[in-house]
Amino acid sequence: IKARVALKPDVDLGGYTNIRMEEEKVQISDQKVEDVVNRLQRDIAPWEPVKRMVQLDDLVNLDVQASIGDQQVLNSPGVDYIPQPGSQTPIPGFAEALVGVQSGETKEFTLTVPDDQATTDSTSKTYTFTATVNEVKEKKLPPLDDEFAKSVSEGKEVDSLPALKEHIHQQLTQEEQKAADR
């Protein structure tokens, strides 16, 4: 009788215990910390009414109607809208068309949906918009000072702007180190 039996192979792993990987040191730039501080500043800034024309990144309350030919397709009073550069909402060019309109003014303009963004029911349609600006608000950025640092510190023992920046630097370093260790 002949039989074949599988045997465990002899494996030589060599000196694998001597292999060492150098730990990646994470560098957080001052600019990255400043970006976080500036984002926090924008996030907590209140919207305040202003008496001027609409600018990009304002908060605009408006009444807006849209029609295609004689058919009205939109009638929305009291809409809050933030015109942002290059915005595609509701269609490209809408945000830019509002720039320069004074509070209380009405502006009529036409925009065509680009073919690459058209849906089946809006293919190459030209919309006529009538927008009445009811109110314009802008962000009132708080000063970057110790009071600001205390207000955004989320219960941490942060009592000054330099301490907040150091805390943010430490958090970013920990996050980056965690990502590098994966």
Protein backbone atom coordinates (compact mmCIF):
# COMPACT_ATOMS: atom_id res chain seq x y z
CA ILE A 1 0.00 0.00 0.00
CA LYS A 2 1.26 3.43 -0.96
CA ALA A 3 0.03 6.59 0.77
CA ARG A 4 0.78 10.26 0.28
CA VAL A 5 0.78 12.38 3.36
CA ALA A 6 1.14 16.18 3.31
CA LEU A 7 3.81 17.40 5.65
CA LYS A 8 4.23 20.90 7.04
CA PRO A 9 6.94 22.65 5.07
CA ASP A 10 10.01 24.03 6.76
CA VAL A 11 9.82 27.81 6.50
CA ASP A 12 12.75 30.03 7.27
CA LEU A 13 11.50 33.52 8.07
CA GLY A 14 14.96 34.92 8.33
CA GLY A 15 15.55 37.88 10.57
CA TYR A 16 12.10 39.41 10.33
CA THR A 17 12.29 40.55 13.97
CA ASN A 18 15.13 42.86 13.02
CA ILE A 19 13.06 44.76 10.44
CA ARG A 20 12.18 48.23 11.69
CA MET A 21 10.05 50.86 10.03
CA GLU A 22 10.85 54.45 10.70
CA GLU A 23 7.87 56.28 12.14
CA GLU A 24 6.59 58.99 9.84
CA LYS A 25 6.80 62.39 11.49
CA VAL A 26 3.80 64.54 10.72
CA GLN A 27 4.26 68.20 9.95
CA ILE A 28 1.35 70.60 10.44
CA SER A 29 1.86 73.98 8.84
CA ASP A 30 0.89 77.24 10.49
CA GLN A 31 -1.30 77.88 7.43
CA LYS A 32 -3.33 74.75 8.15
CA VAL A 33 -3.93 75.95 11.71
CA GLU A 34 -4.90 79.42 10.43
CA ASP A 35 -7.33 77.83 7.96
CA VAL A 36 -9.09 76.02 10.83
CA VAL A 37 -9.22 79.21 12.92
CA ASN A 38 -10.67 81.15 9.97
CA ARG A 39 -13.27 78.43 9.32
CA LEU A 40 -14.30 78.57 13.00
CA GLN A 41 -14.55 82.34 12.73
CA ARG A 42 -16.85 82.09 9.68
CA ASP A 43 -18.91 79.30 11.28
CA ILE A 44 -19.85 81.28 14.38
CA ALA A 45 -20.26 84.65 12.65
CA PRO A 46 -23.84 85.91 12.72
CA TRP A 47 -25.64 87.18 9.63
CA GLU A 48 -26.35 90.92 9.89
CA PRO A 49 -28.52 93.05 7.57
CA VAL A 50 -26.64 95.51 5.36
CA LYS A 51 -27.79 98.38 3.15
CA ARG A 52 -25.89 97.68 -0.05
CA MET A 53 -26.04 95.69 -3.26
CA VAL A 54 -25.84 91.91 -3.28
CA GLN A 55 -22.35 90.45 -3.33
CA LEU A 56 -21.24 86.84 -3.62
CA ASP A 57 -21.41 84.94 -0.30
CA ASP A 58 -24.15 87.20 1.12
CA LEU A 59 -27.38 85.77 2.51
CA VAL A 60 -30.16 87.08 0.31
CA ASN A 61 -33.86 86.81 1.03
CA LEU A 62 -35.76 87.05 -2.24
CA ASP A 63 -39.01 86.38 -4.01
CA VAL A 64 -38.29 84.49 -7.19
CA GLN A 65 -40.44 83.46 -10.12
CA ALA A 66 -39.33 81.57 -13.20
CA SER A 67 -41.07 80.86 -16.45
CA ILE A 68 -40.41 79.12 -19.72
CA GLY A 69 -42.16 81.12 -22.36
CA ASP A 70 -45.64 81.89 -20.97
CA GLN A 71 -45.65 78.97 -18.50
CA GLN A 72 -44.70 79.79 -14.92
CA VAL A 73 -42.59 76.97 -13.47
CA LEU A 74 -41.55 78.53 -10.16
CA ASN A 75 -43.11 80.94 -7.67
CA SER A 76 -41.19 81.01 -4.39
CA PRO A 77 -41.58 83.98 -2.06
CA GLY A 78 -39.22 84.55 0.87
CA VAL A 79 -36.42 82.26 -0.27
CA ASP A 80 -33.07 82.47 1.56
CA TYR A 81 -30.22 82.03 -0.90
CA ILE A 82 -26.43 82.37 -0.66
CA PRO A 83 -25.00 83.30 -4.07
CA GLN A 84 -21.64 81.57 -4.29
CA PRO A 85 -19.08 81.86 -7.08
CA GLY A 86 -19.65 79.24 -9.77
CA SER A 87 -22.82 77.95 -8.12
CA GLN A 88 -24.86 75.54 -10.24
CA THR A 89 -28.01 76.03 -8.13
CA PRO A 90 -30.68 76.50 -9.29
CA ILE A 91 -28.91 76.81 -12.65
CA PRO A 92 -25.50 78.17 -13.67
CA GLY A 93 -25.40 81.96 -13.75
CA PHE A 94 -28.24 82.51 -11.26
CA ALA A 95 -25.94 83.56 -8.39
CA GLU A 96 -23.94 85.93 -10.57
CA ALA A 97 -27.15 87.51 -11.95
CA LEU A 98 -28.11 88.62 -8.43
CA VAL A 99 -24.81 90.43 -7.81
CA GLY A 100 -25.33 94.19 -7.86
CA VAL A 101 -29.06 94.13 -7.11
CA GLN A 102 -30.05 96.48 -4.28
CA SER A 103 -32.40 95.48 -1.47
CA GLY A 104 -35.95 96.29 -2.59
CA GLU A 105 -35.10 96.07 -6.31
CA THR A 106 -36.48 93.60 -8.82
CA LYS A 107 -34.36 92.19 -11.62
CA GLU A 108 -35.48 90.15 -14.61
CA PHE A 109 -32.95 87.98 -16.41
CA THR A 110 -32.85 84.94 -18.67
CA LEU A 111 -30.64 81.89 -18.32
CA THR A 112 -30.36 78.78 -20.45
CA VAL A 113 -29.67 75.38 -18.94
CA PRO A 114 -26.42 74.10 -20.48
CA ASP A 115 -26.82 70.86 -22.47
CA ASP A 116 -24.35 69.03 -20.20
CA GLN A 117 -26.47 69.82 -17.13
CA ALA A 118 -29.92 69.49 -18.60
CA THR A 119 -32.36 66.91 -17.36
CA THR A 120 -34.87 65.34 -19.72
CA ASP A 121 -37.47 68.00 -18.92
CA SER A 122 -35.08 70.99 -18.99
CA THR A 123 -33.04 70.24 -22.10
CA SER A 124 -31.82 73.52 -23.62
CA LYS A 125 -34.65 75.46 -22.02
CA THR A 126 -34.35 79.17 -21.46
CA TYR A 127 -35.77 80.36 -18.17
CA THR A 128 -36.88 83.91 -17.48
CA PHE A 129 -36.35 84.74 -13.82
CA THR A 130 -37.85 87.63 -11.90
CA ALA A 131 -36.12 88.11 -8.57
CA THR A 132 -37.02 90.70 -5.95
CA VAL A 133 -34.37 91.14 -3.28
CA ASN A 134 -36.09 91.61 0.08
CA GLU A 135 -33.03 91.72 2.30
CA VAL A 136 -29.25 91.40 2.10
CA LYS A 137 -27.17 90.07 5.00
CA GLU A 138 -23.46 89.52 5.40
CA LYS A 139 -21.41 87.57 7.92
CA LYS A 140 -20.16 89.78 10.74
CA LEU A 141 -16.85 88.12 11.57
CA PRO A 142 -15.89 88.31 15.23
CA PRO A 143 -12.39 89.61 16.01
CA LEU A 144 -9.73 86.94 16.43
CA ASP A 145 -8.99 87.51 20.09
CA ASP A 146 -9.05 85.71 23.43
CA GLU A 147 -12.86 86.04 23.71
CA PHE A 148 -13.21 84.33 20.33
CA ALA A 149 -10.90 81.53 21.51
CA LYS A 150 -13.00 80.98 24.64
CA SER A 151 -16.25 80.93 22.64
CA VAL A 152 -15.09 78.18 20.26
CA SER A 153 -13.07 76.06 22.66
CA GLU A 154 -15.91 73.57 23.26
CA GLY A 155 -15.33 73.17 26.98
CA LYS A 156 -11.56 72.80 26.66
CA GLU A 157 -9.29 74.80 28.96
CA VAL A 158 -8.51 77.39 26.28
CA ASP A 159 -8.29 80.97 27.49
CA SER A 160 -6.36 82.74 24.73
CA LEU A 161 -5.99 82.78 20.96
CA PRO A 162 -2.43 81.35 21.10
CA ALA A 163 -3.71 78.53 23.34
CA LEU A 164 -6.52 77.82 20.84
CA LYS A 165 -4.03 77.66 17.98
CA GLU A 166 -1.82 75.29 19.98
CA HIS A 167 -4.84 73.11 20.78
CA ILE A 168 -5.82 73.01 17.08
CA HIS A 169 -2.20 72.19 16.15
CA GLN A 170 -2.21 69.26 18.59
CA GLN A 171 -5.56 67.97 17.27
CA LEU A 172 -4.41 68.18 13.65
CA THR A 173 -1.15 66.45 14.54
CA GLN A 174 -3.01 63.59 16.25
CA GLU A 175 -5.38 63.19 13.28
CA GLU A 176 -2.54 63.23 10.75
CA GLN A 177 -0.47 60.81 12.84
CA LYS A 178 -3.42 58.43 13.09
CA ALA A 179 -3.84 58.56 9.30
CA ALA A 180 -0.11 57.99 8.77
CA ASP A 181 -0.10 54.98 11.11
CA ARG A 182 -2.73 53.17 9.07
